[in-house]
PDB file of N, CA and C in Angstrom:
ATOM      1  N   UNK A   1      -2.879 -50.436   6.256  1.00  0.00           N
ATOM      2  CA  UNK A   1      -2.104 -51.156   7.251  1.00  0.00           C
ATOM      3  C   UNK A   1      -2.606 -50.775   8.633  1.00  0.00           C
ATOM      4  N   UNK A   2      -2.904 -51.761   9.419  1.00  0.00           N
ATOM      5  CA  UNK A   2      -3.432 -51.511  10.758  1.00  0.00           C
ATOM      6  C   UNK A   2      -2.302 -51.167  11.707  1.00  0.00           C
ATOM      7  N   UNK A   3      -2.612 -50.251  12.619  1.00  0.00           N
ATOM      8  CA  UNK A   3      -1.610 -49.851  13.595  1.00  0.00           C
ATOM      9  C   UNK A   3      -1.513 -50.916  14.682  1.00  0.00           C
ATOM     10  N   UNK A   4      -0.295 -51.346  15.004  1.00  0.00           N
ATOM     11  CA  UNK A   4      -0.172 -52.355  16.063  1.00  0.00           C
ATOM     12  C   UNK A   4      -0.610 -51.774  17.401  1.00  0.00           C
ATOM     13  N   UNK A   5      -1.129 -52.611  18.228  1.00  0.00           N
ATOM     14  CA  UNK A   5      -1.619 -52.161  19.529  1.00  0.00           C
ATOM     15  C   UNK A   5      -0.497 -51.926  20.522  1.00  0.00           C
ATOM     16  N   UNK A   6       0.671 -52.446  20.242  1.00  0.00           N
ATOM     17  CA  UNK A   6       1.758 -52.317  21.201  1.00  0.00           C
ATOM     18  C   UNK A   6       2.097 -50.860  21.517  1.00  0.00           C
ATOM     19  N   UNK A   7       2.335 -49.982  20.516  1.00  0.00           N
ATOM     20  CA  UNK A   7       2.677 -48.602  20.875  1.00  0.00           C
ATOM     21  C   UNK A   7       1.567 -47.899  21.644  1.00  0.00           C
ATOM     22  N   UNK A   8       0.337 -48.157  21.258  1.00  0.00           N
ATOM     23  CA  UNK A   8      -0.779 -47.525  21.960  1.00  0.00           C
ATOM     24  C   UNK A   8      -0.846 -47.997  23.404  1.00  0.00           C
ATOM     25  N   UNK A   9      -0.742 -49.284  23.619  1.00  0.00           N
ATOM     26  CA  UNK A   9      -0.789 -49.802  24.988  1.00  0.00           C
ATOM     27  C   UNK A   9       0.444 -49.366  25.779  1.00  0.00           C
ATOM     28  N   UNK A  10       1.574 -49.236  25.102  1.00  0.00           N
ATOM     29  CA  UNK A  10       2.792 -48.789  25.761  1.00  0.00           C
ATOM     30  C   UNK A  10       2.615 -47.366  26.291  1.00  0.00           C
ATOM     31  N   UNK A  11       2.077 -46.447  25.436  1.00  0.00           N
ATOM     32  CA  UNK A  11       1.873 -45.071  25.875  1.00  0.00           C
ATOM     33  C   UNK A  11       0.811 -44.971  26.960  1.00  0.00           C
ATOM     34  N   UNK A  12      -0.226 -45.772  26.851  1.00  0.00           N
ATOM     35  CA  UNK A  12      -1.244 -45.777  27.907  1.00  0.00           C
ATOM     36  C   UNK A  12      -0.644 -46.237  29.225  1.00  0.00           C
ATOM     37  N   UNK A  13       0.238 -47.223  29.170  1.00  0.00           N
ATOM     38  CA  UNK A  13       0.892 -47.693  30.396  1.00  0.00           C
ATOM     39  C   UNK A  13       1.779 -46.603  30.974  1.00  0.00           C
ATOM     40  N   UNK A  14       2.487 -45.868  30.127  1.00  0.00           N
ATOM     41  CA  UNK A  14       3.334 -44.779  30.624  1.00  0.00           C
ATOM     42  C   UNK A  14       2.506 -43.710  31.315  1.00  0.00           C
ATOM     43  N   UNK A  15       1.357 -43.390  30.740  1.00  0.00           N
ATOM     44  CA  UNK A  15       0.500 -42.379  31.359  1.00  0.00           C
ATOM     45  C   UNK A  15      -0.005 -42.851  32.712  1.00  0.00           C
ATOM     46  N   UNK A  16      -0.284 -44.138  32.829  1.00  0.00           N
ATOM     47  CA  UNK A  16      -0.737 -44.663  34.122  1.00  0.00           C
ATOM     48  C   UNK A  16       0.396 -44.663  35.140  1.00  0.00           C
ATOM     49  N   UNK A  17       1.594 -45.003  34.690  1.00  0.00           N
ATOM     50  CA  UNK A  17       2.736 -45.045  35.603  1.00  0.00           C
ATOM     51  C   UNK A  17       3.035 -43.658  36.142  1.00  0.00           C
ATOM     52  N   UNK A  18       2.993 -42.668  35.279  1.00  0.00           N
ATOM     53  CA  UNK A  18       3.311 -41.314  35.711  1.00  0.00           C
ATOM     54  C   UNK A  18       2.103 -40.558  36.237  1.00  0.00           C
ATOM     55  N   UNK A  19       0.974 -41.205  36.274  1.00  0.00           N
ATOM     56  CA  UNK A  19      -0.212 -40.620  36.882  1.00  0.00           C
ATOM     57  C   UNK A  19      -0.945 -39.622  36.016  1.00  0.00           C
ATOM     58  N   UNK A  20      -0.746 -39.690  34.733  1.00  0.00           N
ATOM     59  CA  UNK A  20      -1.452 -38.766  33.848  1.00  0.00           C
ATOM     60  C   UNK A  20      -2.748 -39.441  33.419  1.00  0.00           C
ATOM     61  N   UNK A  21      -3.837 -38.773  33.684  1.00  0.00           N
ATOM     62  CA  UNK A  21      -5.117 -39.366  33.326  1.00  0.00           C
ATOM     63  C   UNK A  21      -5.447 -39.074  31.868  1.00  0.00           C
ATOM     64  N   UNK A  22      -6.389 -39.785  31.331  1.00  0.00           N
ATOM     65  CA  UNK A  22      -6.789 -39.608  29.943  1.00  0.00           C
ATOM     66  C   UNK A  22      -7.461 -38.249  29.735  1.00  0.00           C
ATOM     67  N   UNK A  23      -8.131 -37.735  30.761  1.00  0.00           N
ATOM     68  CA  UNK A  23      -8.776 -36.433  30.603  1.00  0.00           C
ATOM     69  C   UNK A  23      -7.724 -35.329  30.458  1.00  0.00           C
ATOM     70  N   UNK A  24      -6.633 -35.443  31.216  1.00  0.00           N
ATOM     71  CA  UNK A  24      -5.547 -34.462  31.091  1.00  0.00           C
ATOM     72  C   UNK A  24      -4.909 -34.581  29.714  1.00  0.00           C
ATOM     73  N   UNK A  25      -4.696 -35.834  29.273  1.00  0.00           N
ATOM     74  CA  UNK A  25      -4.128 -36.058  27.954  1.00  0.00           C
ATOM     75  C   UNK A  25      -5.048 -35.488  26.875  1.00  0.00           C
ATOM     76  N   UNK A  26      -6.335 -35.722  27.014  1.00  0.00           N
ATOM     77  CA  UNK A  26      -7.298 -35.201  26.046  1.00  0.00           C
ATOM     78  C   UNK A  26      -7.289 -33.676  26.049  1.00  0.00           C
ATOM     79  N   UNK A  27      -7.218 -33.084  27.233  1.00  0.00           N
ATOM     80  CA  UNK A  27      -7.185 -31.625  27.328  1.00  0.00           C
ATOM     81  C   UNK A  27      -5.950 -31.069  26.621  1.00  0.00           C
ATOM     82  N   UNK A  28      -4.780 -31.687  26.863  1.00  0.00           N
ATOM     83  CA  UNK A  28      -3.551 -31.216  26.234  1.00  0.00           C
ATOM     84  C   UNK A  28      -3.607 -31.399  24.716  1.00  0.00           C
ATOM     85  N   UNK A  29      -4.185 -32.505  24.283  1.00  0.00           N
ATOM     86  CA  UNK A  29      -4.297 -32.754  22.857  1.00  0.00           C
ATOM     87  C   UNK A  29      -5.224 -31.724  22.204  1.00  0.00           C
ATOM     88  N   UNK A  30      -6.365 -31.474  22.836  1.00  0.00           N
ATOM     89  CA  UNK A  30      -7.308 -30.487  22.296  1.00  0.00           C
ATOM     90  C   UNK A  30      -6.694 -29.097  22.311  1.00  0.00           C
ATOM     91  N   UNK A  31      -5.978 -28.770  23.377  1.00  0.00           N
ATOM     92  CA  UNK A  31      -5.305 -27.472  23.454  1.00  0.00           C
ATOM     93  C   UNK A  31      -4.277 -27.331  22.337  1.00  0.00           C
ATOM     94  N   UNK A  32      -3.510 -28.399  22.086  1.00  0.00           N
ATOM     95  CA  UNK A  32      -2.500 -28.370  21.040  1.00  0.00           C
ATOM     96  C   UNK A  32      -3.158 -28.186  19.662  1.00  0.00           C
ATOM     97  N   UNK A  33      -4.242 -28.891  19.430  1.00  0.00           N
ATOM     98  CA  UNK A  33      -4.946 -28.774  18.152  1.00  0.00           C
ATOM     99  C   UNK A  33      -5.526 -27.357  17.998  1.00  0.00           C
ATOM    100  N   UNK A  34      -6.090 -26.837  19.096  1.00  0.00           N
ATOM    101  CA  UNK A  34      -6.670 -25.490  19.047  1.00  0.00           C
ATOM    102  C   UNK A  34      -5.595 -24.444  18.764  1.00  0.00           C
ATOM    103  N   UNK A  35      -4.433 -24.602  19.401  1.00  0.00           N
ATOM    104  CA  UNK A  35      -3.343 -23.652  19.154  1.00  0.00           C
ATOM    105  C   UNK A  35      -2.863 -23.741  17.712  1.00  0.00           C
ATOM    106  N   UNK A  36      -2.779 -24.945  17.190  1.00  0.00           N
ATOM    107  CA  UNK A  36      -2.387 -25.115  15.796  1.00  0.00           C
ATOM    108  C   UNK A  36      -3.397 -24.488  14.857  1.00  0.00           C
ATOM    109  N   UNK A  37      -4.673 -24.673  15.150  1.00  0.00           N
ATOM    110  CA  UNK A  37      -5.728 -24.077  14.331  1.00  0.00           C
ATOM    111  C   UNK A  37      -5.668 -22.555  14.411  1.00  0.00           C
ATOM    112  N   UNK A  38      -5.482 -22.032  15.621  1.00  0.00           N
ATOM    113  CA  UNK A  38      -5.388 -20.587  15.819  1.00  0.00           C
ATOM    114  C   UNK A  38      -4.200 -20.018  15.047  1.00  0.00           C
ATOM    115  N   UNK A  39      -3.058 -20.704  15.115  1.00  0.00           N
ATOM    116  CA  UNK A  39      -1.880 -20.249  14.378  1.00  0.00           C
ATOM    117  C   UNK A  39      -2.143 -20.274  12.878  1.00  0.00           C
ATOM    118  N   UNK A  40      -2.830 -21.308  12.403  1.00  0.00           N
ATOM    119  CA  UNK A  40      -3.142 -21.394  10.976  1.00  0.00           C
ATOM    120  C   UNK A  40      -4.069 -20.263  10.558  1.00  0.00           C
ATOM    121  N   UNK A  41      -5.033 -19.934  11.411  1.00  0.00           N
ATOM    122  CA  UNK A  41      -5.945 -18.830  11.110  1.00  0.00           C
ATOM    123  C   UNK A  41      -5.179 -17.509  11.083  1.00  0.00           C
ATOM    124  N   UNK A  42      -4.274 -17.318  12.039  1.00  0.00           N
ATOM    125  CA  UNK A  42      -3.484 -16.087  12.062  1.00  0.00           C
ATOM    126  C   UNK A  42      -2.622 -15.949  10.810  1.00  0.00           C
ATOM    127  N   UNK A  43      -2.003 -17.037  10.397  1.00  0.00           N
ATOM    128  CA  UNK A  43      -1.185 -17.001   9.182  1.00  0.00           C
ATOM    129  C   UNK A  43      -2.058 -16.690   7.977  1.00  0.00           C
ATOM    130  N   UNK A  44      -3.226 -17.306   7.910  1.00  0.00           N
ATOM    131  CA  UNK A  44      -4.138 -17.075   6.792  1.00  0.00           C
ATOM    132  C   UNK A  44      -4.596 -15.617   6.755  1.00  0.00           C
ATOM    133  N   UNK A  45      -4.953 -15.075   7.910  1.00  0.00           N
ATOM    134  CA  UNK A  45      -5.376 -13.673   7.984  1.00  0.00           C
ATOM    135  C   UNK A  45      -4.217 -12.757   7.613  1.00  0.00           C
ATOM    136  N   UNK A  46      -3.024 -13.095   8.085  1.00  0.00           N
ATOM    137  CA  UNK A  46      -1.849 -12.283   7.765  1.00  0.00           C
ATOM    138  C   UNK A  46      -1.595 -12.279   6.256  1.00  0.00           C
ATOM    139  N   UNK A  47      -1.688 -13.439   5.636  1.00  0.00           N
ATOM    140  CA  UNK A  47      -1.471 -13.520   4.186  1.00  0.00           C
ATOM    141  C   UNK A  47      -2.545 -12.748   3.428  1.00  0.00           C
ATOM    142  N   UNK A  48      -3.801 -12.850   3.881  1.00  0.00           N
ATOM    143  CA  UNK A  48      -4.880 -12.088   3.239  1.00  0.00           C
ATOM    144  C   UNK A  48      -4.629 -10.588   3.370  1.00  0.00           C
ATOM    145  N   UNK A  49      -4.229 -10.164   4.557  1.00  0.00           N
ATOM    146  CA  UNK A  49      -3.943  -8.751   4.799  1.00  0.00           C
ATOM    147  C   UNK A  49      -2.766  -8.295   3.948  1.00  0.00           C
ATOM    148  N   UNK A  50      -1.765  -9.141   3.834  1.00  0.00           N
ATOM    149  CA  UNK A  50      -0.598  -8.813   3.026  1.00  0.00           C
ATOM    150  C   UNK A  50      -0.982  -8.640   1.563  1.00  0.00           C
ATOM    151  N   UNK A  51      -1.830  -9.507   1.057  1.00  0.00           N
ATOM    152  CA  UNK A  51      -2.272  -9.411  -0.336  1.00  0.00           C
ATOM    153  C   UNK A  51      -3.063  -8.127  -0.548  1.00  0.00           C
ATOM    154  N   UNK A  52      -3.973  -7.816   0.372  1.00  0.00           N
ATOM    155  CA  UNK A  52      -4.781  -6.599   0.248  1.00  0.00           C
ATOM    156  C   UNK A  52      -3.887  -5.361   0.329  1.00  0.00           C
ATOM    157  N   UNK A  53      -2.911  -5.385   1.214  1.00  0.00           N
ATOM    158  CA  UNK A  53      -1.990  -4.259   1.353  1.00  0.00           C
ATOM    159  C   UNK A  53      -1.172  -4.065   0.083  1.00  0.00           C
ATOM    160  N   UNK A  54      -0.687  -5.162  -0.490  1.00  0.00           N
ATOM    161  CA  UNK A  54       0.084  -5.062  -1.729  1.00  0.00           C
ATOM    162  C   UNK A  54      -0.779  -4.551  -2.881  1.00  0.00           C
ATOM    163  N   UNK A  55      -2.029  -4.999  -2.944  1.00  0.00           N
ATOM    164  CA  UNK A  55      -2.930  -4.515  -3.989  1.00  0.00           C
ATOM    165  C   UNK A  55      -3.197  -3.020  -3.824  1.00  0.00           C
ATOM    166  N   UNK A  56      -3.398  -2.589  -2.580  1.00  0.00           N
ATOM    167  CA  UNK A  56      -3.644  -1.164  -2.316  1.00  0.00           C
ATOM    168  C   UNK A  56      -2.413  -0.339  -2.671  1.00  0.00           C
ATOM    169  N   UNK A  57      -1.230  -0.851  -2.348  1.00  0.00           N
ATOM    170  CA  UNK A  57       0.000  -0.141  -2.675  1.00  0.00           C
ATOM    171  C   UNK A  57       0.176  -0.039  -4.182  1.00  0.00           C
ATOM    172  N   UNK A  58      -0.109  -1.110  -4.881  1.00  0.00           N
ATOM    173  CA  UNK A  58      -0.008  -1.097  -6.340  1.00  0.00           C
ATOM    174  C   UNK A  58      -1.001  -0.101  -6.938  1.00  0.00           C
ATOM    175  N   UNK A  59      -2.215  -0.093  -6.415  1.00  0.00           N
ATOM    176  CA  UNK A  59      -3.236   0.848  -6.890  1.00  0.00           C
ATOM    177  C   UNK A  59      -2.821   2.285  -6.609  1.00  0.00           C
ATOM    178  N   UNK A  60      -2.244   2.526  -5.435  1.00  0.00           N
ATOM    179  CA  UNK A  60      -1.794   3.872  -5.075  1.00  0.00           C
ATOM    180  C   UNK A  60      -0.652   4.318  -5.988  1.00  0.00           C
ATOM    181  N   UNK A  61       0.277   3.418  -6.294  1.00  0.00           N
ATOM    182  CA  UNK A  61       1.380   3.765  -7.191  1.00  0.00           C
ATOM    183  C   UNK A  61       0.866   4.090  -8.592  1.00  0.00           C
ATOM    184  N   UNK A  62      -0.097   3.322  -9.063  1.00  0.00           N
ATOM    185  CA  UNK A  62      -0.680   3.581 -10.374  1.00  0.00           C
ATOM    186  C   UNK A  62      -1.379   4.942 -10.387  1.00  0.00           C
ATOM    187  N   UNK A  63      -2.110   5.242  -9.324  1.00  0.00           N
ATOM    188  CA  UNK A  63      -2.800   6.537  -9.233  1.00  0.00           C
ATOM    189  C   UNK A  63      -1.796   7.680  -9.193  1.00  0.00           C
ATOM    190  N   UNK A  64      -0.698   7.508  -8.468  1.00  0.00           N
ATOM    191  CA  UNK A  64       0.326   8.559  -8.407  1.00  0.00           C
ATOM    192  C   UNK A  64       0.977   8.786  -9.772  1.00  0.00           C
ATOM    193  N   UNK A  65       1.233   7.701 -10.492  1.00  0.00           N
ATOM    194  CA  UNK A  65       1.823   7.841 -11.823  1.00  0.00           C
ATOM    195  C   UNK A  65       0.855   8.577 -12.761  1.00  0.00           C
ATOM    196  N   UNK A  66      -0.419   8.255 -12.687  1.00  0.00           N
ATOM    197  CA  UNK A  66      -1.416   8.928 -13.528  1.00  0.00           C
ATOM    198  C   UNK A  66      -1.518  10.404 -13.155  1.00  0.00           C
ATOM    199  N   UNK A  67      -1.484  10.709 -11.867  1.00  0.00           N
ATOM    200  CA  UNK A  67      -1.554  12.099 -11.412  1.00  0.00           C
ATOM    201  C   UNK A  67      -0.343  12.884 -11.908  1.00  0.00           C
ATOM    202  N   UNK A  68       0.845  12.280 -11.796  1.00  0.00           N
ATOM    203  CA  UNK A  68       2.052  12.968 -12.274  1.00  0.00           C
ATOM    204  C   UNK A  68       1.982  13.250 -13.771  1.00  0.00           C
ATOM    205  N   UNK A  69       1.531  12.262 -14.527  1.00  0.00           N
ATOM    206  CA  UNK A  69       1.430  12.445 -15.983  1.00  0.00           C
ATOM    207  C   UNK A  69       0.429  13.545 -16.320  1.00  0.00           C
ATOM    208  N   UNK A  70      -0.693  13.562 -15.619  1.00  0.00           N
ATOM    209  CA  UNK A  70      -1.709  14.596 -15.866  1.00  0.00           C
ATOM    210  C   UNK A  70      -1.175  15.981 -15.528  1.00  0.00           C
ATOM    211  N   UNK A  71      -0.528  16.119 -14.373  1.00  0.00           N
ATOM    212  CA  UNK A  71      -0.008  17.428 -13.978  1.00  0.00           C
ATOM    213  C   UNK A  71       1.106  17.885 -14.906  1.00  0.00           C
ATOM    214  N   UNK A  72       1.937  16.955 -15.344  1.00  0.00           N
ATOM    215  CA  UNK A  72       2.997  17.308 -16.282  1.00  0.00           C
ATOM    216  C   UNK A  72       2.389  17.853 -17.576  1.00  0.00           C
ATOM    217  N   UNK A  73       1.378  17.178 -18.083  1.00  0.00           N
ATOM    218  CA  UNK A  73       0.691  17.619 -19.302  1.00  0.00           C
ATOM    219  C   UNK A  73       0.013  18.970 -19.077  1.00  0.00           C
ATOM    220  N   UNK A  74      -0.679  19.104 -17.947  1.00  0.00           N
ATOM    221  CA  UNK A  74      -1.404  20.339 -17.649  1.00  0.00           C
ATOM    222  C   UNK A  74      -0.454  21.526 -17.538  1.00  0.00           C
ATOM    223  N   UNK A  75       0.634  21.359 -16.792  1.00  0.00           N
ATOM    224  CA  UNK A  75       1.580  22.455 -16.636  1.00  0.00           C
ATOM    225  C   UNK A  75       2.224  22.821 -17.969  1.00  0.00           C
ATOM    226  N   UNK A  76       2.476  21.837 -18.800  1.00  0.00           N
ATOM    227  CA  UNK A  76       3.038  22.136 -20.125  1.00  0.00           C
ATOM    228  C   UNK A  76       2.058  22.963 -20.941  1.00  0.00           C
ATOM    229  N   UNK A  77       0.781  22.553 -20.910  1.00  0.00           N
ATOM    230  CA  UNK A  77      -0.231  23.260 -21.687  1.00  0.00           C
ATOM    231  C   UNK A  77      -0.475  24.679 -21.179  1.00  0.00           C
ATOM    232  N   UNK A  78      -0.302  24.916 -19.900  1.00  0.00           N
ATOM    233  CA  UNK A  78      -0.480  26.266 -19.340  1.00  0.00           C
ATOM    234  C   UNK A  78       0.783  27.087 -19.530  1.00  0.00           C
ATOM    235  N   UNK A  79       1.934  26.475 -19.324  1.00  0.00           N
ATOM    236  CA  UNK A  79       3.204  27.204 -19.384  1.00  0.00           C
ATOM    237  C   UNK A  79       3.528  27.685 -20.805  1.00  0.00           C
ATOM    238  N   UNK A  80       3.224  26.882 -21.802  1.00  0.00           N
ATOM    239  CA  UNK A  80       3.579  27.243 -23.177  1.00  0.00           C
ATOM    240  C   UNK A  80       2.919  28.553 -23.623  1.00  0.00           C
ATOM    241  N   UNK A  81       1.604  28.724 -23.472  1.00  0.00           N
ATOM    242  CA  UNK A  81       1.014  30.022 -23.874  1.00  0.00           C
ATOM    243  C   UNK A  81       1.493  31.180 -22.997  1.00  0.00           C
ATOM    244  N   UNK A  82       1.704  30.927 -21.710  1.00  0.00           N
ATOM    245  CA  UNK A  82       2.176  32.003 -20.840  1.00  0.00           C
ATOM    246  C   UNK A  82       3.572  32.449 -21.235  1.00  0.00           C
ATOM    247  N   UNK A  83       4.407  31.503 -21.640  1.00  0.00           N
ATOM    248  CA  UNK A  83       5.751  31.847 -22.089  1.00  0.00           C
ATOM    249  C   UNK A  83       5.679  32.734 -23.339  1.00  0.00           C
ATOM    250  N   UNK A  84       4.773  32.381 -24.241  1.00  0.00           N
ATOM    251  CA  UNK A  84       4.598  33.203 -25.453  1.00  0.00           C
ATOM    252  C   UNK A  84       4.138  34.609 -25.096  1.00  0.00           C
ATOM    253  N   UNK A  85       3.220  34.715 -24.162  1.00  0.00           N
ATOM    254  CA  UNK A  85       2.751  36.045 -23.731  1.00  0.00           C
ATOM    255  C   UNK A  85       3.874  36.843 -23.097  1.00  0.00           C
ATOM    256  N   UNK A  86       4.695  36.192 -22.302  1.00  0.00           N
ATOM    257  CA  UNK A  86       5.816  36.873 -21.657  1.00  0.00           C
ATOM    258  C   UNK A  86       6.792  37.422 -22.693  1.00  0.00           C
ATOM    259  N   UNK A  87       7.069  36.642 -23.718  1.00  0.00           N
ATOM    260  CA  UNK A  87       7.964  37.104 -24.786  1.00  0.00           C
ATOM    261  C   UNK A  87       7.338  38.293 -25.515  1.00  0.00           C
ATOM    262  N   UNK A  88       6.020  38.206 -25.785  1.00  0.00           N
ATOM    263  CA  UNK A  88       5.329  39.317 -26.452  1.00  0.00           C
ATOM    264  C   UNK A  88       5.379  40.583 -25.626  1.00  0.00           C
ATOM    265  N   UNK A  89       5.217  40.458 -24.311  1.00  0.00           N
ATOM    266  CA  UNK A  89       5.273  41.634 -23.431  1.00  0.00           C
ATOM    267  C   UNK A  89       6.677  42.235 -23.450  1.00  0.00           C
ATOM    268  N   UNK A  90       7.706  41.380 -23.457  1.00  0.00           N
ATOM    269  CA  UNK A  90       9.083  41.883 -23.516  1.00  0.00           C
ATOM    270  C   UNK A  90       9.337  42.643 -24.812  1.00  0.00           C
ATOM    271  N   UNK A  91       8.818  42.110 -25.910  1.00  0.00           N
ATOM    272  CA  UNK A  91       8.996  42.786 -27.200  1.00  0.00           C
ATOM    273  C   UNK A  91       8.287  44.134 -27.195  1.00  0.00           C
ATOM    274  N   UNK A  92       7.059  44.166 -26.681  1.00  0.00           N
ATOM    275  CA  UNK A  92       6.324  45.438 -26.619  1.00  0.00           C
ATOM    276  C   UNK A  92       7.005  46.431 -25.681  1.00  0.00           C
ATOM    277  N   UNK A  93       7.610  45.914 -24.621  1.00  0.00           N
ATOM    278  CA  UNK A  93       8.266  46.780 -23.651  1.00  0.00           C
ATOM    279  C   UNK A  93       9.459  47.508 -24.274  1.00  0.00           C
ATOM    280  N   UNK A  94      10.065  46.935 -25.272  1.00  0.00           N
ATOM    281  CA  UNK A  94      11.235  47.547 -25.927  1.00  0.00           C
ATOM    282  C   UNK A  94      10.841  48.603 -26.969  1.00  0.00           C
ATOM    283  N   UNK A  95       9.560  48.673 -27.241  1.00  0.00           N
ATOM    284  CA  UNK A  95       9.092  49.633 -28.251  1.00  0.00           C
ATOM    285  C   UNK A  95       9.164  51.050 -27.670  1.00  0.00           C
ATOM    286  N   UNK A  96       9.958  51.926 -28.286  1.00  0.00           N
ATOM    287  CA  UNK A  96      10.101  53.287 -27.733  1.00  0.00           C
ATOM    288  C   UNK A  96       8.902  54.190 -28.042  1.00  0.00           C
ATOM    289  N   UNK A  97       7.994  53.761 -28.889  1.00  0.00           N
ATOM    290  CA  UNK A  97       6.869  54.610 -29.299  1.00  0.00           C
ATOM    291  C   UNK A  97       5.614  54.389 -28.453  1.00  0.00           C
ATOM    292  N   UNK A  98       5.700  53.637 -27.363  1.00  0.00           N
ATOM    293  CA  UNK A  98       4.524  53.397 -26.510  1.00  0.00           C
ATOM    294  C   UNK A  98       4.319  54.589 -25.590  1.00  0.00           C
ATOM    295  N   UNK A  99       3.037  54.904 -25.350  1.00  0.00           N
ATOM    296  CA  UNK A  99       2.711  56.002 -24.452  1.00  0.00           C
ATOM    297  C   UNK A  99       2.743  55.540 -22.993  1.00  0.00           C
ATOM    298  N   UNK A 100       2.492  56.480 -22.123  1.00  0.00           N
ATOM    299  CA  UNK A 100       2.515  56.225 -20.675  1.00  0.00           C
ATOM    300  C   UNK A 100       1.447  55.211 -20.284  1.00  0.00           C
ATOM    301  N   UNK A 101       0.270  55.353 -20.853  1.00  0.00           N
ATOM    302  CA  UNK A 101      -0.838  54.428 -20.534  1.00  0.00           C
ATOM    303  C   UNK A 101      -0.515  53.003 -20.985  1.00  0.00           C
ATOM    304  N   UNK A 102       0.095  52.872 -22.159  1.00  0.00           N
ATOM    305  CA  UNK A 102       0.477  51.544 -22.652  1.00  0.00           C
ATOM    306  C   UNK A 102       1.550  50.916 -21.764  1.00  0.00           C
ATOM    307  N   UNK A 103       2.482  51.726 -21.299  1.00  0.00           N
ATOM    308  CA  UNK A 103       3.540  51.216 -20.410  1.00  0.00           C
ATOM    309  C   UNK A 103       2.949  50.725 -19.088  1.00  0.00           C
ATOM    310  N   UNK A 104       1.955  51.460 -18.570  1.00  0.00           N
ATOM    311  CA  UNK A 104       1.300  51.016 -17.325  1.00  0.00           C
ATOM    312  C   UNK A 104       0.561  49.696 -17.552  1.00  0.00           C
ATOM    313  N   UNK A 105      -0.066  49.554 -18.710  1.00  0.00           N
ATOM    314  CA  UNK A 105      -0.765  48.302 -19.032  1.00  0.00           C
ATOM    315  C   UNK A 105       0.223  47.140 -19.111  1.00  0.00           C
ATOM    316  N   UNK A 106       1.368  47.399 -19.748  1.00  0.00           N
ATOM    317  CA  UNK A 106       2.393  46.351 -19.819  1.00  0.00           C
ATOM    318  C   UNK A 106       2.906  45.979 -18.432  1.00  0.00           C
ATOM    319  N   UNK A 107       3.053  46.987 -17.583  1.00  0.00           N
ATOM    320  CA  UNK A 107       3.534  46.729 -16.215  1.00  0.00           C
ATOM    321  C   UNK A 107       2.502  45.854 -15.466  1.00  0.00           C
ATOM    322  N   UNK A 108       1.212  46.114 -15.687  1.00  0.00           N
ATOM    323  CA  UNK A 108       0.174  45.287 -15.038  1.00  0.00           C
ATOM    324  C   UNK A 108       0.215  43.850 -15.546  1.00  0.00           C
ATOM    325  N   UNK A 109       0.497  43.699 -16.834  1.00  0.00           N
ATOM    326  CA  UNK A 109       0.564  42.355 -17.409  1.00  0.00           C
ATOM    327  C   UNK A 109       1.731  41.560 -16.823  1.00  0.00           C
ATOM    328  N   UNK A 110       2.791  42.241 -16.474  1.00  0.00           N
ATOM    329  CA  UNK A 110       3.943  41.541 -15.881  1.00  0.00           C
ATOM    330  C   UNK A 110       3.619  40.981 -14.497  1.00  0.00           C
ATOM    331  N   UNK A 111       2.807  41.666 -13.776  1.00  0.00           N
ATOM    332  CA  UNK A 111       2.473  41.237 -12.411  1.00  0.00           C
ATOM    333  C   UNK A 111       1.486  40.117 -12.506  1.00  0.00           C
TER     334      UNK A 111
END
């Protein structure tokens, strides 16, 4: 459907009546388009940054969960034998037949 010439000629007449030249109109139109393009670029960059930030946060959370699981496992594996040694030292400490040298060795093991 072809655009009627009436609205176009009407707006051109208004610009002439109010003294607005076509170059000023063109400048304002180009400025408006440029601002719209700039805003679209900013939104696009913001969305890209948001996606990258969310991916980094997700990766960091996954790494933290893996680190916690590893440390939990590691501390369990270290604590269990040490607990057994501590119990053994307590049992030996109650033995009344240990000599002075053995008692000093047990005292060193406690530290």
